[in-house]
C-alpha cells in the first residue's frame, strides 16, 4: 500500500510463508522509489526483525532493487 503522505513510499507485508522457520509470521517492509523512478530502481527494505534477512538501511539484495541497479528494467512496476 502506498504511504498516504508520500506516493514514492510503499509498504508491503509478506505472510503465509510455507517454511517451518517463518510459518505464521508477518513481515513488514518498505519500498522507497527515487525521484527519478522508474528510470532508477527502488530501494526495498525489511522492517520486521526475523533472524534471516538483515533490516539494513541499504536495502535487500535483489535484482529488482537499487542494490543491483544494473539489473533494473524501467518497465517493471512497484506492485
PDB file of N, CA and C in Angstrom:
ATOM      1  N   UNK A   1       0.841  -1.181   0.000  1.00  0.00           N
ATOM      2  CA  UNK A   1       0.000   0.000   0.000  1.00  0.00           C
ATOM      3  C   UNK A   1       0.882   1.240   0.000  1.00  0.00           C
ATOM      4  N   UNK A   2       0.518   2.234  -0.754  1.00  0.00           N
ATOM      5  CA  UNK A   2       1.304   3.474  -0.752  1.00  0.00           C
ATOM      6  C   UNK A   2       1.108   4.251   0.545  1.00  0.00           C
ATOM      7  N   UNK A   3       2.149   4.956   0.934  1.00  0.00           N
ATOM      8  CA  UNK A   3       2.074   5.840   2.090  1.00  0.00           C
ATOM      9  C   UNK A   3       1.160   7.010   1.708  1.00  0.00           C
ATOM     10  N   UNK A   4       0.151   7.320   2.503  1.00  0.00           N
ATOM     11  CA  UNK A   4      -0.778   8.391   2.135  1.00  0.00           C
ATOM     12  C   UNK A   4      -0.137   9.775   2.098  1.00  0.00           C
ATOM     13  N   UNK A   5       1.034   9.909   2.706  1.00  0.00           N
ATOM     14  CA  UNK A   5       1.706  11.209   2.716  1.00  0.00           C
ATOM     15  C   UNK A   5       2.853  11.303   1.718  1.00  0.00           C
ATOM     16  N   UNK A   6       3.237  10.179   1.109  1.00  0.00           N
ATOM     17  CA  UNK A   6       4.355  10.185   0.169  1.00  0.00           C
ATOM     18  C   UNK A   6       4.143   9.068  -0.852  1.00  0.00           C
ATOM     19  N   UNK A   7       3.781   9.418  -2.077  1.00  0.00           N
ATOM     20  CA  UNK A   7       3.493   8.426  -3.118  1.00  0.00           C
ATOM     21  C   UNK A   7       4.723   7.634  -3.538  1.00  0.00           C
ATOM     22  N   UNK A   8       5.916   8.078  -3.156  1.00  0.00           N
ATOM     23  CA  UNK A   8       7.140   7.375  -3.504  1.00  0.00           C
ATOM     24  C   UNK A   8       7.534   6.328  -2.466  1.00  0.00           C
ATOM     25  N   UNK A   9       6.736   6.167  -1.428  1.00  0.00           N
ATOM     26  CA  UNK A   9       6.989   5.162  -0.389  1.00  0.00           C
ATOM     27  C   UNK A   9       5.802   4.211  -0.334  1.00  0.00           C
ATOM     28  N   UNK A  10       6.095   2.925  -0.431  1.00  0.00           N
ATOM     29  CA  UNK A  10       5.075   1.885  -0.366  1.00  0.00           C
ATOM     30  C   UNK A  10       5.437   0.903   0.742  1.00  0.00           C
ATOM     31  N   UNK A  11       4.422   0.343   1.391  1.00  0.00           N
ATOM     32  CA  UNK A  11       4.628  -0.673   2.422  1.00  0.00           C
ATOM     33  C   UNK A  11       4.073  -1.996   1.925  1.00  0.00           C
ATOM     34  N   UNK A  12       4.710  -3.081   2.346  1.00  0.00           N
ATOM     35  CA  UNK A  12       4.229  -4.408   1.967  1.00  0.00           C
ATOM     36  C   UNK A  12       4.300  -5.341   3.173  1.00  0.00           C
ATOM     37  N   UNK A  13       3.494  -6.393   3.125  1.00  0.00           N
ATOM     38  CA  UNK A  13       3.502  -7.432   4.150  1.00  0.00           C
ATOM     39  C   UNK A  13       3.645  -8.777   3.448  1.00  0.00           C
ATOM     40  N   UNK A  14       4.590  -9.578   3.924  1.00  0.00           N
ATOM     41  CA  UNK A  14       4.757 -10.947   3.446  1.00  0.00           C
ATOM     42  C   UNK A  14       4.252 -11.860   4.550  1.00  0.00           C
ATOM     43  N   UNK A  15       3.368 -12.792   4.196  1.00  0.00           N
ATOM     44  CA  UNK A  15       2.813 -13.701   5.199  1.00  0.00           C
ATOM     45  C   UNK A  15       2.475 -15.034   4.542  1.00  0.00           C
ATOM     46  N   UNK A  16       2.065 -15.983   5.344  1.00  0.00           N
ATOM     47  CA  UNK A  16       1.681 -17.310   4.874  1.00  0.00           C
ATOM     48  C   UNK A  16       2.832 -17.990   4.134  1.00  0.00           C
ATOM     49  N   UNK A  17       4.037 -17.853   4.684  1.00  0.00           N
ATOM     50  CA  UNK A  17       5.224 -18.461   4.086  1.00  0.00           C
ATOM     51  C   UNK A  17       5.246 -19.939   4.471  1.00  0.00           C
ATOM     52  N   UNK A  18       5.384 -20.789   3.490  1.00  0.00           N
ATOM     53  CA  UNK A  18       5.377 -22.226   3.726  1.00  0.00           C
ATOM     54  C   UNK A  18       6.803 -22.719   4.012  1.00  0.00           C
ATOM     55  N   UNK A  19       7.335 -22.277   5.130  1.00  0.00           N
ATOM     56  CA  UNK A  19       8.662 -22.684   5.588  1.00  0.00           C
ATOM     57  C   UNK A  19       8.602 -22.768   7.107  1.00  0.00           C
ATOM     58  N   UNK A  20       9.089 -23.858   7.692  1.00  0.00           N
ATOM     59  CA  UNK A  20       8.946 -24.037   9.143  1.00  0.00           C
ATOM     60  C   UNK A  20       9.497 -22.887   9.987  1.00  0.00           C
ATOM     61  N   UNK A  21      10.576 -22.253   9.549  1.00  0.00           N
ATOM     62  CA  UNK A  21      11.179 -21.170  10.327  1.00  0.00           C
ATOM     63  C   UNK A  21      10.344 -19.890  10.334  1.00  0.00           C
ATOM     64  N   UNK A  22       9.468 -19.723   9.341  1.00  0.00           N
ATOM     65  CA  UNK A  22       8.723 -18.471   9.204  1.00  0.00           C
ATOM     66  C   UNK A  22       7.215 -18.661   9.232  1.00  0.00           C
ATOM     67  N   UNK A  23       6.758 -19.889   9.380  1.00  0.00           N
ATOM     68  CA  UNK A  23       5.326 -20.185   9.338  1.00  0.00           C
ATOM     69  C   UNK A  23       4.578 -19.396  10.409  1.00  0.00           C
ATOM     70  N   UNK A  24       3.494 -18.759  10.008  1.00  0.00           N
ATOM     71  CA  UNK A  24       2.678 -17.981  10.931  1.00  0.00           C
ATOM     72  C   UNK A  24       3.158 -16.563  11.156  1.00  0.00           C
ATOM     73  N   UNK A  25       4.273 -16.202  10.546  1.00  0.00           N
ATOM     74  CA  UNK A  25       4.812 -14.856  10.747  1.00  0.00           C
ATOM     75  C   UNK A  25       4.283 -13.847   9.744  1.00  0.00           C
ATOM     76  N   UNK A  26       4.373 -12.594  10.132  1.00  0.00           N
ATOM     77  CA  UNK A  26       4.040 -11.461   9.264  1.00  0.00           C
ATOM     78  C   UNK A  26       5.268 -10.572   9.206  1.00  0.00           C
ATOM     79  N   UNK A  27       5.705 -10.204   8.013  1.00  0.00           N
ATOM     80  CA  UNK A  27       6.930  -9.444   7.839  1.00  0.00           C
ATOM     81  C   UNK A  27       6.642  -8.171   7.058  1.00  0.00           C
ATOM     82  N   UNK A  28       6.884  -7.042   7.701  1.00  0.00           N
ATOM     83  CA  UNK A  28       6.608  -5.734   7.125  1.00  0.00           C
ATOM     84  C   UNK A  28       7.858  -5.187   6.455  1.00  0.00           C
ATOM     85  N   UNK A  29       7.665  -4.598   5.292  1.00  0.00           N
ATOM     86  CA  UNK A  29       8.766  -3.993   4.568  1.00  0.00           C
ATOM     87  C   UNK A  29       8.350  -2.687   3.924  1.00  0.00           C
ATOM     88  N   UNK A  30       9.341  -2.023   3.342  1.00  0.00           N
ATOM     89  CA  UNK A  30       9.088  -0.721   2.724  1.00  0.00           C
ATOM     90  C   UNK A  30       9.821  -0.650   1.391  1.00  0.00           C
ATOM     91  N   UNK A  31       9.157  -0.080   0.406  1.00  0.00           N
ATOM     92  CA  UNK A  31       9.743   0.180  -0.906  1.00  0.00           C
ATOM     93  C   UNK A  31       9.825   1.687  -1.061  1.00  0.00           C
ATOM     94  N   UNK A  32      11.034   2.173  -1.327  1.00  0.00           N
ATOM     95  CA  UNK A  32      11.249   3.614  -1.460  1.00  0.00           C
ATOM     96  C   UNK A  32      11.697   3.898  -2.892  1.00  0.00           C
ATOM     97  N   UNK A  33      10.863   4.599  -3.631  1.00  0.00           N
ATOM     98  CA  UNK A  33      11.179   4.934  -5.019  1.00  0.00           C
ATOM     99  C   UNK A  33      11.953   6.247  -5.069  1.00  0.00           C
ATOM    100  N   UNK A  34      13.006   6.300  -5.884  1.00  0.00           N
ATOM    101  CA  UNK A  34      13.739   7.557  -6.033  1.00  0.00           C
ATOM    102  C   UNK A  34      12.915   8.567  -6.831  1.00  0.00           C
ATOM    103  N   UNK A  35      13.304   9.806  -6.778  1.00  0.00           N
ATOM    104  CA  UNK A  35      12.575  10.859  -7.505  1.00  0.00           C
ATOM    105  C   UNK A  35      12.521  10.599  -9.002  1.00  0.00           C
ATOM    106  N   UNK A  36      13.537   9.917  -9.543  1.00  0.00           N
ATOM    107  CA  UNK A  36      13.557   9.640 -10.978  1.00  0.00           C
ATOM    108  C   UNK A  36      13.059   8.222 -11.317  1.00  0.00           C
ATOM    109  N   UNK A  37      12.260   7.640 -10.410  1.00  0.00           N
ATOM    110  CA  UNK A  37      11.608   6.362 -10.694  1.00  0.00           C
ATOM    111  C   UNK A  37      10.624   6.573 -11.843  1.00  0.00           C
ATOM    112  N   UNK A  38      10.509   5.727 -12.803  1.00  0.00           N
ATOM    113  CA  UNK A  38      11.034   4.387 -12.944  1.00  0.00           C
ATOM    114  C   UNK A  38      12.379   4.281 -13.651  1.00  0.00           C
ATOM    115  N   UNK A  39      13.012   5.384 -13.948  1.00  0.00           N
ATOM    116  CA  UNK A  39      14.323   5.310 -14.593  1.00  0.00           C
ATOM    117  C   UNK A  39      15.351   4.624 -13.697  1.00  0.00           C
ATOM    118  N   UNK A  40      15.203   4.757 -12.389  1.00  0.00           N
ATOM    119  CA  UNK A  40      16.103   4.106 -11.431  1.00  0.00           C
ATOM    120  C   UNK A  40      15.303   3.198 -10.514  1.00  0.00           C
ATOM    121  N   UNK A  41      15.960   2.167 -10.035  1.00  0.00           N
ATOM    122  CA  UNK A  41      15.308   1.130  -9.223  1.00  0.00           C
ATOM    123  C   UNK A  41      14.946   1.630  -7.828  1.00  0.00           C
ATOM    124  N   UNK A  42      13.876   1.069  -7.252  1.00  0.00           N
ATOM    125  CA  UNK A  42      13.515   1.411  -5.881  1.00  0.00           C
ATOM    126  C   UNK A  42      14.389   0.669  -4.866  1.00  0.00           C
ATOM    127  N   UNK A  43      14.442   1.215  -3.663  1.00  0.00           N
ATOM    128  CA  UNK A  43      15.102   0.539  -2.543  1.00  0.00           C
ATOM    129  C   UNK A  43      14.046  -0.299  -1.845  1.00  0.00           C
ATOM    130  N   UNK A  44      14.380  -1.560  -1.562  1.00  0.00           N
ATOM    131  CA  UNK A  44      13.443  -2.461  -0.884  1.00  0.00           C
ATOM    132  C   UNK A  44      14.057  -2.833   0.453  1.00  0.00           C
ATOM    133  N   UNK A  45      13.366  -2.480   1.529  1.00  0.00           N
ATOM    134  CA  UNK A  45      13.880  -2.766   2.861  1.00  0.00           C
ATOM    135  C   UNK A  45      12.913  -3.664   3.614  1.00  0.00           C
ATOM    136  N   UNK A  46      13.434  -4.318   4.629  1.00  0.00           N
ATOM    137  CA  UNK A  46      12.629  -5.142   5.513  1.00  0.00           C
ATOM    138  C   UNK A  46      12.654  -4.498   6.882  1.00  0.00           C
ATOM    139  N   UNK A  47      11.500  -4.285   7.461  1.00  0.00           N
ATOM    140  CA  UNK A  47      11.399  -3.606   8.754  1.00  0.00           C
ATOM    141  C   UNK A  47      11.370  -4.616   9.902  1.00  0.00           C
ATOM    142  N   UNK A  48      10.665  -5.723   9.713  1.00  0.00           N
ATOM    143  CA  UNK A  48      10.480  -6.716  10.769  1.00  0.00           C
ATOM    144  C   UNK A  48      11.749  -7.533  10.985  1.00  0.00           C
ATOM    145  N   UNK A  49      12.207  -7.606  12.229  1.00  0.00           N
ATOM    146  CA  UNK A  49      13.312  -8.497  12.591  1.00  0.00           C
ATOM    147  C   UNK A  49      12.826  -9.921  12.396  1.00  0.00           C
ATOM    148  N   UNK A  50      13.643 -10.759  11.740  1.00  0.00           N
ATOM    149  CA  UNK A  50      13.194 -12.126  11.509  1.00  0.00           C
ATOM    150  C   UNK A  50      14.293 -13.162  11.673  1.00  0.00           C
ATOM    151  N   UNK A  51      15.524 -12.745  11.907  1.00  0.00           N
ATOM    152  CA  UNK A  51      16.607 -13.678  12.102  1.00  0.00           C
ATOM    153  C   UNK A  51      17.217 -14.239  10.837  1.00  0.00           C
ATOM    154  N   UNK A  52      16.662 -13.927   9.696  1.00  0.00           N
ATOM    155  CA  UNK A  52      17.203 -14.428   8.437  1.00  0.00           C
ATOM    156  C   UNK A  52      17.720 -13.294   7.553  1.00  0.00           C
ATOM    157  N   UNK A  53      16.875 -12.304   7.321  1.00  0.00           N
ATOM    158  CA  UNK A  53      17.268 -11.173   6.489  1.00  0.00           C
ATOM    159  C   UNK A  53      17.624  -9.994   7.380  1.00  0.00           C
ATOM    160  N   UNK A  54      18.677  -9.307   7.022  1.00  0.00           N
ATOM    161  CA  UNK A  54      19.062  -8.105   7.765  1.00  0.00           C
ATOM    162  C   UNK A  54      18.115  -6.973   7.382  1.00  0.00           C
ATOM    163  N   UNK A  55      17.803  -6.123   8.333  1.00  0.00           N
ATOM    164  CA  UNK A  55      16.966  -4.966   8.012  1.00  0.00           C
ATOM    165  C   UNK A  55      17.836  -3.711   7.977  1.00  0.00           C
ATOM    166  N   UNK A  56      18.846  -3.764   7.120  1.00  0.00           N
ATOM    167  CA  UNK A  56      19.751  -2.644   6.915  1.00  0.00           C
ATOM    168  C   UNK A  56      19.053  -1.523   6.163  1.00  0.00           C
ATOM    169  N   UNK A  57      19.546  -0.319   6.343  1.00  0.00           N
ATOM    170  CA  UNK A  57      19.005   0.814   5.589  1.00  0.00           C
ATOM    171  C   UNK A  57      19.426   0.762   4.122  1.00  0.00           C
ATOM    172  N   UNK A  58      20.449  -0.042   3.787  1.00  0.00           N
ATOM    173  CA  UNK A  58      20.902  -0.167   2.393  1.00  0.00           C
ATOM    174  C   UNK A  58      19.923  -0.951   1.537  1.00  0.00           C
ATOM    175  N   UNK A  59      19.021  -1.671   2.166  1.00  0.00           N
ATOM    176  CA  UNK A  59      18.026  -2.433   1.425  1.00  0.00           C
ATOM    177  C   UNK A  59      18.412  -3.887   1.231  1.00  0.00           C
ATOM    178  N   UNK A  60      17.494  -4.618   0.612  1.00  0.00           N
ATOM    179  CA  UNK A  60      17.664  -6.040   0.370  1.00  0.00           C
ATOM    180  C   UNK A  60      18.358  -6.246  -0.971  1.00  0.00           C
ATOM    181  N   UNK A  61      19.235  -7.226  -1.019  1.00  0.00           N
ATOM    182  CA  UNK A  61      19.967  -7.563  -2.237  1.00  0.00           C
ATOM    183  C   UNK A  61      19.059  -8.338  -3.178  1.00  0.00           C
ATOM    184  N   UNK A  62      18.446  -7.629  -4.115  1.00  0.00           N
ATOM    185  CA  UNK A  62      17.585  -8.229  -5.127  1.00  0.00           C
ATOM    186  C   UNK A  62      17.912  -7.620  -6.485  1.00  0.00           C
ATOM    187  N   UNK A  63      17.709  -8.388  -7.536  1.00  0.00           N
ATOM    188  CA  UNK A  63      17.967  -7.845  -8.871  1.00  0.00           C
ATOM    189  C   UNK A  63      16.931  -6.796  -9.255  1.00  0.00           C
ATOM    190  N   UNK A  64      15.825  -6.723  -8.532  1.00  0.00           N
ATOM    191  CA  UNK A  64      14.780  -5.738  -8.827  1.00  0.00           C
ATOM    192  C   UNK A  64      14.859  -4.528  -7.904  1.00  0.00           C
ATOM    193  N   UNK A  65      15.991  -4.356  -7.227  1.00  0.00           N
ATOM    194  CA  UNK A  65      16.137  -3.240  -6.289  1.00  0.00           C
ATOM    195  C   UNK A  65      17.365  -2.403  -6.637  1.00  0.00           C
ATOM    196  N   UNK A  66      17.512  -1.305  -5.933  1.00  0.00           N
ATOM    197  CA  UNK A  66      18.668  -0.430  -6.180  1.00  0.00           C
ATOM    198  C   UNK A  66      19.976  -1.045  -5.702  1.00  0.00           C
ATOM    199  N   UNK A  67      19.910  -2.195  -5.035  1.00  0.00           N
ATOM    200  CA  UNK A  67      21.117  -2.903  -4.622  1.00  0.00           C
ATOM    201  C   UNK A  67      21.887  -3.395  -5.845  1.00  0.00           C
ATOM    202  N   UNK A  68      21.152  -3.692  -6.913  1.00  0.00           N
ATOM    203  CA  UNK A  68      21.741  -4.100  -8.196  1.00  0.00           C
ATOM    204  C   UNK A  68      21.150  -3.242  -9.314  1.00  0.00           C
ATOM    205  N   UNK A  69      21.528  -1.973  -9.381  1.00  0.00           N
ATOM    206  CA  UNK A  69      20.921  -1.073 -10.373  1.00  0.00           C
ATOM    207  C   UNK A  69      21.149  -1.509 -11.813  1.00  0.00           C
ATOM    208  N   UNK A  70      22.201  -2.279 -12.056  1.00  0.00           N
ATOM    209  CA  UNK A  70      22.485  -2.734 -13.416  1.00  0.00           C
ATOM    210  C   UNK A  70      21.431  -3.718 -13.925  1.00  0.00           C
ATOM    211  N   UNK A  71      20.685  -4.340 -13.023  1.00  0.00           N
ATOM    212  CA  UNK A  71      19.657  -5.311 -13.400  1.00  0.00           C
ATOM    213  C   UNK A  71      18.277  -4.688 -13.576  1.00  0.00           C
ATOM    214  N   UNK A  72      18.120  -3.455 -13.149  1.00  0.00           N
ATOM    215  CA  UNK A  72      16.804  -2.808 -13.151  1.00  0.00           C
ATOM    216  C   UNK A  72      16.283  -2.602 -14.562  1.00  0.00           C
ATOM    217  N   UNK A  73      14.986  -2.851 -14.747  1.00  0.00           N
ATOM    218  CA  UNK A  73      14.304  -2.618 -16.011  1.00  0.00           C
ATOM    219  C   UNK A  73      13.182  -1.609 -15.752  1.00  0.00           C
ATOM    220  N   UNK A  74      13.215  -0.438 -16.370  1.00  0.00           N
ATOM    221  CA  UNK A  74      12.218   0.605 -16.106  1.00  0.00           C
ATOM    222  C   UNK A  74      10.770   0.220 -16.408  1.00  0.00           C
ATOM    223  N   UNK A  75      10.514  -0.853 -17.135  1.00  0.00           N
ATOM    224  CA  UNK A  75       9.129  -1.253 -17.410  1.00  0.00           C
ATOM    225  C   UNK A  75       8.526  -2.014 -16.227  1.00  0.00           C
ATOM    226  N   UNK A  76       9.351  -2.449 -15.263  1.00  0.00           N
ATOM    227  CA  UNK A  76       8.819  -3.116 -14.079  1.00  0.00           C
ATOM    228  C   UNK A  76       8.080  -2.110 -13.216  1.00  0.00           C
ATOM    229  N   UNK A  77       7.072  -2.594 -12.519  1.00  0.00           N
ATOM    230  CA  UNK A  77       6.261  -1.727 -11.656  1.00  0.00           C
ATOM    231  C   UNK A  77       6.447  -2.111 -10.198  1.00  0.00           C
ATOM    232  N   UNK A  78       6.113  -1.226  -9.298  1.00  0.00           N
ATOM    233  CA  UNK A  78       6.244  -1.486  -7.870  1.00  0.00           C
ATOM    234  C   UNK A  78       5.380  -2.665  -7.449  1.00  0.00           C
ATOM    235  N   UNK A  79       4.173  -2.724  -7.937  1.00  0.00           N
ATOM    236  CA  UNK A  79       3.298  -3.812  -7.496  1.00  0.00           C
ATOM    237  C   UNK A  79       3.709  -5.125  -8.071  1.00  0.00           C
TER     238      UNK A  79
END
